[in-house]
Amino acid sequence: MSNTSINISGQIYPDAVQVYIDISEACDHLKIPYVVVGASARDIVLHFGHGTKIQRATRDIDFGIQVPNWNAFQSLKLDLQSRGFKETRQLHKLISNAGVPIDIVPFGQLEDENANISWPPGGDWVMNVLGFQEACENAEIVRVQNDPPVDIPVATPVGMAVLKLIAWTDRNADMRSKDAKDLLYLFTTYHNIPKVKEQVFDNEELMEAYEWDIELTSAHQLGKDARSIAGAQTYTAIEAFLTGNHEKLKLEQLIQEMGRRNDGNYERHEKLAHAFIKGFLDQDK
């Protein structure tokens, strides 16, 4: 890989580096595009790459794997098993030889018209993978090891925001809180990326609209950037939720789940969410 945007060599633990090496080699061998997603992507880009405070520690590493069919997915699993990974009861979860849990979530041609995948053998377990294509296509290249060089594609905060919004609207209530908190983290840390900070400070009109509040202005920019990568189907799904047209969920629920109940921060979280929404929906500013 080339065009490395972030170099975090020496900053993450060796067992994780080995996972990235194994995944990279296996996917390259099978010609399968992939992208690092989830908490590991968040920490790679924002914590290790741009110095933000880590939100919560995790050893799990999540990947989106673009495959044409289930046979390709199974071939990847077999390749990883030959490298010492062990299967679990869940088809998408493996454990590395050093005990690092990984998720490999397939997307691509095996999706149905609603961007759902139905897991074999019976297809009873259905997962929505909307947004993975955009996260993969717009990934940034991160160097996790200098010698020999290991570069991996990682979801950007923009891609993460898209994935987190889709995930929050798709999960059961008892599984959504991490997605809401991750969205809040993205809203409040996006300005730590130098090119984002420079971009919003150059837009005096936008800064003035938010009374020179860098977090609110950057949340607006994050929304605008998320809109810029969202495909038609992904945009429609997110737009429906943000405009109050989701069949079950309301924005107020998302804002409430961004923090502890009665923590006194609802008003701030609401402002950040609405700044993101305005950026996502209003592309003329």
Protein backbone atom coordinates (compact mmCIF):
# COMPACT_ATOMS: atom_id res chain seq x y z
CA MET A 1 0.00 0.00 0.00
CA SER A 2 1.06 3.63 -0.48
CA ASN A 3 0.00 7.16 0.44
CA THR A 4 0.29 6.52 4.17
CA SER A 5 -1.57 9.28 6.02
CA ILE A 6 -0.71 8.35 9.64
CA ASN A 7 2.29 6.53 11.08
CA ILE A 8 1.67 4.95 14.49
CA SER A 9 4.50 2.42 14.41
CA GLY A 10 5.52 1.39 17.92
CA GLN A 11 2.36 2.72 19.55
CA ILE A 12 0.12 -0.35 19.55
CA TYR A 13 0.81 -3.68 21.19
CA PRO A 14 2.67 -6.33 19.14
CA ASP A 15 -0.17 -8.88 19.26
CA ALA A 16 -2.45 -6.38 17.50
CA VAL A 17 0.21 -5.63 14.89
CA GLN A 18 0.46 -9.35 14.17
CA VAL A 19 -3.32 -9.50 13.65
CA TYR A 20 -3.07 -6.68 11.12
CA ILE A 21 -0.22 -8.47 9.36
CA ASP A 22 -2.19 -11.72 9.20
CA ILE A 23 -5.38 -10.06 7.94
CA SER A 24 -3.48 -7.99 5.40
CA GLU A 25 -1.59 -10.99 4.02
CA ALA A 26 -4.68 -13.21 3.93
CA CYS A 27 -6.82 -10.58 2.20
CA ASP A 28 -4.06 -9.71 -0.26
CA HIS A 29 -3.61 -13.40 -1.08
CA LEU A 30 -7.34 -13.80 -1.77
CA LYS A 31 -7.68 -10.35 -3.39
CA ILE A 32 -10.29 -9.31 -0.82
CA PRO A 33 -10.56 -5.59 0.05
CA TYR A 34 -10.93 -4.88 3.76
CA VAL A 35 -11.10 -2.01 6.24
CA VAL A 36 -10.49 -1.73 9.98
CA VAL A 37 -13.65 -0.46 11.70
CA GLY A 38 -15.07 -0.18 15.22
CA ALA A 39 -13.25 0.91 18.36
CA SER A 40 -9.86 -0.12 16.98
CA ALA A 41 -10.30 2.25 14.01
CA ARG A 42 -11.39 5.03 16.35
CA ASP A 43 -8.32 4.57 18.57
CA ILE A 44 -5.87 4.20 15.67
CA VAL A 45 -6.94 7.44 14.01
CA LEU A 46 -8.03 9.71 16.85
CA HIS A 47 -6.01 8.51 19.86
CA PHE A 48 -2.77 7.19 18.42
CA GLY A 49 -2.90 9.30 15.26
CA HIS A 50 -4.10 12.64 16.64
CA GLY A 51 -3.61 12.50 20.39
CA THR A 52 -7.19 12.47 21.67
CA LYS A 53 -7.93 10.92 25.02
CA ILE A 54 -8.76 7.24 24.69
CA GLN A 55 -12.45 6.57 25.27
CA ARG A 56 -12.34 2.99 26.52
CA ALA A 57 -9.76 0.29 26.24
CA THR A 58 -10.49 -2.72 24.07
CA ARG A 59 -8.50 -5.64 22.66
CA ASP A 60 -11.13 -6.56 20.07
CA ILE A 61 -10.33 -5.67 16.47
CA ASP A 62 -13.12 -5.33 13.91
CA PHE A 63 -12.84 -5.63 10.14
CA GLY A 64 -15.19 -5.13 7.24
CA ILE A 65 -14.42 -7.69 4.53
CA GLN A 66 -15.66 -7.10 0.98
CA VAL A 67 -16.41 -10.52 -0.50
CA PRO A 68 -18.36 -11.65 -3.57
CA ASN A 69 -19.97 -14.66 -1.87
CA TRP A 70 -19.94 -16.89 1.19
CA ASN A 71 -17.34 -19.19 -0.35
CA ALA A 72 -14.87 -16.31 -0.39
CA PHE A 73 -15.69 -15.55 3.23
CA GLN A 74 -15.07 -19.17 4.16
CA SER A 75 -11.79 -19.18 2.22
CA LEU A 76 -10.64 -16.21 4.27
CA LYS A 77 -11.53 -17.98 7.50
CA LEU A 78 -9.61 -21.06 6.44
CA ASP A 79 -6.59 -18.93 5.55
CA LEU A 80 -6.71 -17.26 8.97
CA GLN A 81 -7.05 -20.63 10.69
CA SER A 82 -3.90 -21.76 8.90
CA ARG A 83 -2.20 -18.79 10.61
CA GLY A 84 -3.29 -19.91 14.06
CA PHE A 85 -6.68 -18.23 14.43
CA LYS A 86 -9.34 -20.26 16.20
CA GLU A 87 -13.05 -20.39 15.39
CA THR A 88 -15.75 -19.50 17.91
CA ARG A 89 -19.45 -20.29 18.02
CA GLN A 90 -20.16 -17.09 16.09
CA LEU A 91 -19.25 -17.30 12.43
CA HIS A 92 -17.75 -13.83 12.22
CA LYS A 93 -15.65 -14.05 15.39
CA LEU A 94 -12.18 -15.57 15.58
CA ILE A 95 -9.40 -15.48 18.16
CA SER A 96 -5.77 -15.04 17.17
CA ASN A 97 -3.01 -17.34 18.34
CA ALA A 98 -2.13 -14.69 20.97
CA GLY A 99 -5.72 -14.43 22.20
CA VAL A 100 -6.83 -11.27 20.37
CA PRO A 101 -10.55 -11.45 19.47
CA ILE A 102 -11.44 -10.28 15.97
CA ASP A 103 -14.68 -9.74 14.07
CA ILE A 104 -14.74 -10.12 10.30
CA VAL A 105 -18.00 -8.71 8.94
CA PRO A 106 -18.66 -9.49 5.28
CA PHE A 107 -20.24 -7.01 2.90
CA GLY A 108 -20.45 -6.56 -0.84
CA GLN A 109 -22.14 -8.75 -3.44
CA LEU A 110 -23.69 -11.08 -0.87
CA GLU A 111 -25.92 -8.23 0.42
CA ASP A 112 -29.61 -8.14 -0.50
CA GLU A 113 -31.39 -5.04 -1.82
CA ASN A 114 -31.67 -3.67 1.73
CA ALA A 115 -27.94 -4.06 2.44
CA ASN A 116 -28.62 -7.01 4.73
CA ILE A 117 -26.62 -10.21 4.90
CA SER A 118 -28.26 -13.47 5.99
CA TRP A 119 -25.80 -15.73 7.71
CA PRO A 120 -25.59 -19.39 6.69
CA PRO A 121 -26.62 -22.06 7.01
CA GLY A 122 -30.26 -21.12 7.53
CA GLY A 123 -30.18 -17.37 6.99
CA ASP A 124 -31.99 -16.80 10.29
CA TRP A 125 -29.48 -14.26 11.58
CA VAL A 126 -29.68 -11.07 9.53
CA MET A 127 -27.18 -8.20 9.82
CA ASN A 128 -27.34 -4.78 8.21
CA VAL A 129 -24.03 -3.75 6.62
CA LEU A 130 -25.07 -0.43 5.11
CA GLY A 131 -22.18 2.02 5.21
CA PHE A 132 -19.38 -0.54 5.07
CA GLN A 133 -18.84 0.08 1.36
CA GLU A 134 -18.35 3.81 1.94
CA ALA A 135 -16.06 3.20 4.91
CA CYS A 136 -13.92 0.86 2.80
CA GLU A 137 -13.77 3.10 -0.27
CA ASN A 138 -12.83 6.15 1.81
CA ALA A 139 -10.40 4.50 4.24
CA GLU A 140 -7.09 6.12 5.08
CA ILE A 141 -3.83 4.22 5.05
CA VAL A 142 -2.12 3.88 8.42
CA ARG A 143 1.37 2.51 9.00
CA VAL A 144 1.35 0.25 12.07
CA GLN A 145 4.91 -1.03 11.68
CA ASN A 146 7.99 0.52 10.09
CA ASP A 147 10.33 -2.44 9.71
CA PRO A 148 9.19 -4.20 7.68
CA PRO A 149 6.52 -1.66 6.68
CA VAL A 150 2.92 -2.69 7.35
CA ASP A 151 0.19 -0.35 6.04
CA ILE A 152 -3.50 -1.00 6.67
CA PRO A 153 -6.75 0.67 5.52
CA VAL A 154 -8.64 2.19 8.45
CA ALA A 155 -12.06 3.80 8.51
CA THR A 156 -11.84 7.58 8.89
CA PRO A 157 -13.90 9.42 11.52
CA VAL A 158 -16.24 10.31 8.65
CA GLY A 159 -16.71 6.66 7.75
CA MET A 160 -17.07 5.81 11.44
CA ALA A 161 -19.85 8.39 11.84
CA VAL A 162 -21.77 6.82 8.97
CA LEU A 163 -21.32 3.31 10.39
CA LYS A 164 -22.24 4.37 13.92
CA LEU A 165 -25.46 6.07 12.83
CA ILE A 166 -26.52 3.01 10.85
CA ALA A 167 -25.55 0.68 13.71
CA TRP A 168 -27.44 2.73 16.31
CA THR A 169 -30.64 2.65 14.29
CA ASP A 170 -30.26 -1.08 13.60
CA ARG A 171 -29.39 -2.50 17.03
CA ASN A 172 -31.62 -3.49 19.92
CA ALA A 173 -31.92 -0.93 22.71
CA ASP A 174 -29.64 -2.86 25.08
CA MET A 175 -26.78 -2.78 22.55
CA ARG A 176 -26.98 0.82 21.32
CA SER A 177 -25.30 2.82 24.07
CA LYS A 178 -21.74 2.24 22.82
CA ASP A 179 -22.71 3.52 19.37
CA ALA A 180 -24.26 6.66 20.85
CA LYS A 181 -21.20 7.34 23.00
CA ASP A 182 -18.92 6.74 20.03
CA LEU A 183 -20.88 9.29 18.01
CA LEU A 184 -20.49 11.84 20.80
CA TYR A 185 -16.76 11.11 20.89
CA LEU A 186 -16.54 11.76 17.15
CA PHE A 187 -18.50 15.01 17.52
CA THR A 188 -16.17 16.29 20.24
CA THR A 189 -12.81 15.14 18.82
CA TYR A 190 -13.09 15.70 15.07
CA HIS A 191 -11.38 19.09 15.42
CA ASN A 192 -8.22 17.35 16.70
CA ILE A 193 -7.41 16.39 13.12
CA PRO A 194 -5.20 19.27 11.88
CA LYS A 195 -6.72 19.48 8.40
CA VAL A 196 -10.22 19.63 9.91
CA LYS A 197 -9.25 22.39 12.33
CA GLU A 198 -7.66 24.36 9.50
CA GLN A 199 -10.71 23.84 7.32
CA VAL A 200 -13.23 25.12 9.87
CA PHE A 201 -11.09 28.08 10.97
CA ASP A 202 -10.83 29.09 7.31
CA ASN A 203 -14.64 29.16 7.14
CA GLU A 204 -15.32 32.30 9.18
CA GLU A 205 -19.00 32.34 8.25
CA LEU A 206 -19.48 28.86 9.66
CA MET A 207 -17.42 29.61 12.78
CA GLU A 208 -19.44 32.75 13.43
CA ALA A 209 -22.68 30.80 13.04
CA TYR A 210 -21.54 28.66 15.99
CA GLU A 211 -20.05 31.60 17.93
CA TRP A 212 -16.52 30.29 17.34
CA ASP A 213 -17.26 27.07 19.20
CA ILE A 214 -14.74 24.68 17.64
CA GLU A 215 -16.57 21.52 18.71
CA LEU A 216 -19.92 22.60 17.30
CA THR A 217 -18.35 23.87 14.09
CA SER A 218 -16.41 20.63 13.65
CA ALA A 219 -19.50 18.54 14.36
CA HIS A 220 -21.19 20.46 11.54
CA GLN A 221 -18.20 19.75 9.29
CA LEU A 222 -18.32 16.06 10.24
CA GLY A 223 -21.94 15.96 9.16
CA LYS A 224 -21.06 17.64 5.88
CA ASP A 225 -18.19 15.24 5.28
CA ALA A 226 -20.38 12.23 6.13
CA ARG A 227 -22.90 13.39 3.56
CA SER A 228 -20.13 13.69 0.97
CA ILE A 229 -19.24 9.98 1.16
CA ALA A 230 -22.73 8.52 1.68
CA GLY A 231 -24.14 6.62 -1.25
CA ALA A 232 -27.80 7.07 -2.18
CA GLN A 233 -29.10 4.19 -0.07
CA THR A 234 -26.98 5.12 2.93
CA TYR A 235 -27.96 8.78 2.69
CA THR A 236 -31.65 7.89 2.50
CA ALA A 237 -31.43 5.74 5.64
CA ILE A 238 -29.55 8.37 7.66
CA GLU A 239 -31.64 11.26 6.37
CA ALA A 240 -34.85 9.49 7.39
CA PHE A 241 -33.64 9.18 10.96
CA LEU A 242 -32.18 12.68 11.21
CA THR A 243 -35.40 14.26 9.92
CA GLY A 244 -37.65 12.34 12.31
CA ASN A 245 -38.97 9.87 9.75
CA HIS A 246 -37.59 6.67 11.22
CA GLU A 247 -40.36 4.18 11.86
CA LYS A 248 -39.34 3.51 15.48
CA LEU A 249 -36.51 5.72 16.74
CA LYS A 250 -36.29 9.41 17.57
CA LEU A 251 -33.30 11.73 17.79
CA GLU A 252 -34.04 12.39 21.46
CA GLN A 253 -33.30 8.74 22.23
CA LEU A 254 -29.88 8.99 20.61
CA ILE A 255 -29.04 12.17 22.53
CA GLN A 256 -30.13 10.63 25.82
CA GLU A 257 -27.91 7.60 25.20
CA MET A 258 -24.85 9.77 24.57
CA GLY A 259 -24.35 10.23 28.30
CA ARG A 260 -25.51 9.00 31.65
CA ARG A 261 -29.08 9.74 32.53
CA ASN A 262 -29.45 13.10 34.30
CA ASP A 263 -25.74 13.93 33.89
CA GLY A 264 -26.61 17.52 33.02
CA ASN A 265 -25.06 17.38 29.55
CA TYR A 266 -28.18 16.78 27.49
CA GLU A 267 -28.32 20.36 26.20
CA ARG A 268 -24.69 20.23 25.03
CA HIS A 269 -25.16 16.86 23.40
CA GLU A 270 -28.29 18.17 21.70
CA LYS A 271 -26.37 21.13 20.25
CA LEU A 272 -23.64 18.84 18.94
CA ALA A 273 -26.16 16.48 17.37
CA HIS A 274 -28.03 19.33 15.69
CA ALA A 275 -24.77 20.81 14.38
CA PHE A 276 -23.96 17.43 12.80
CA ILE A 277 -27.48 17.19 11.37
CA LYS A 278 -27.30 20.67 9.86
CA GLY A 279 -23.98 19.80 8.24
CA PHE A 280 -25.35 16.53 6.89
CA LEU A 281 -28.59 17.98 5.50
CA ASP A 282 -27.51 21.48 4.43
CA GLN A 283 -24.79 21.17 1.83
CA ASP A 284 -24.80 24.81 0.76
CA LYS A 285 -22.98 26.07 3.85
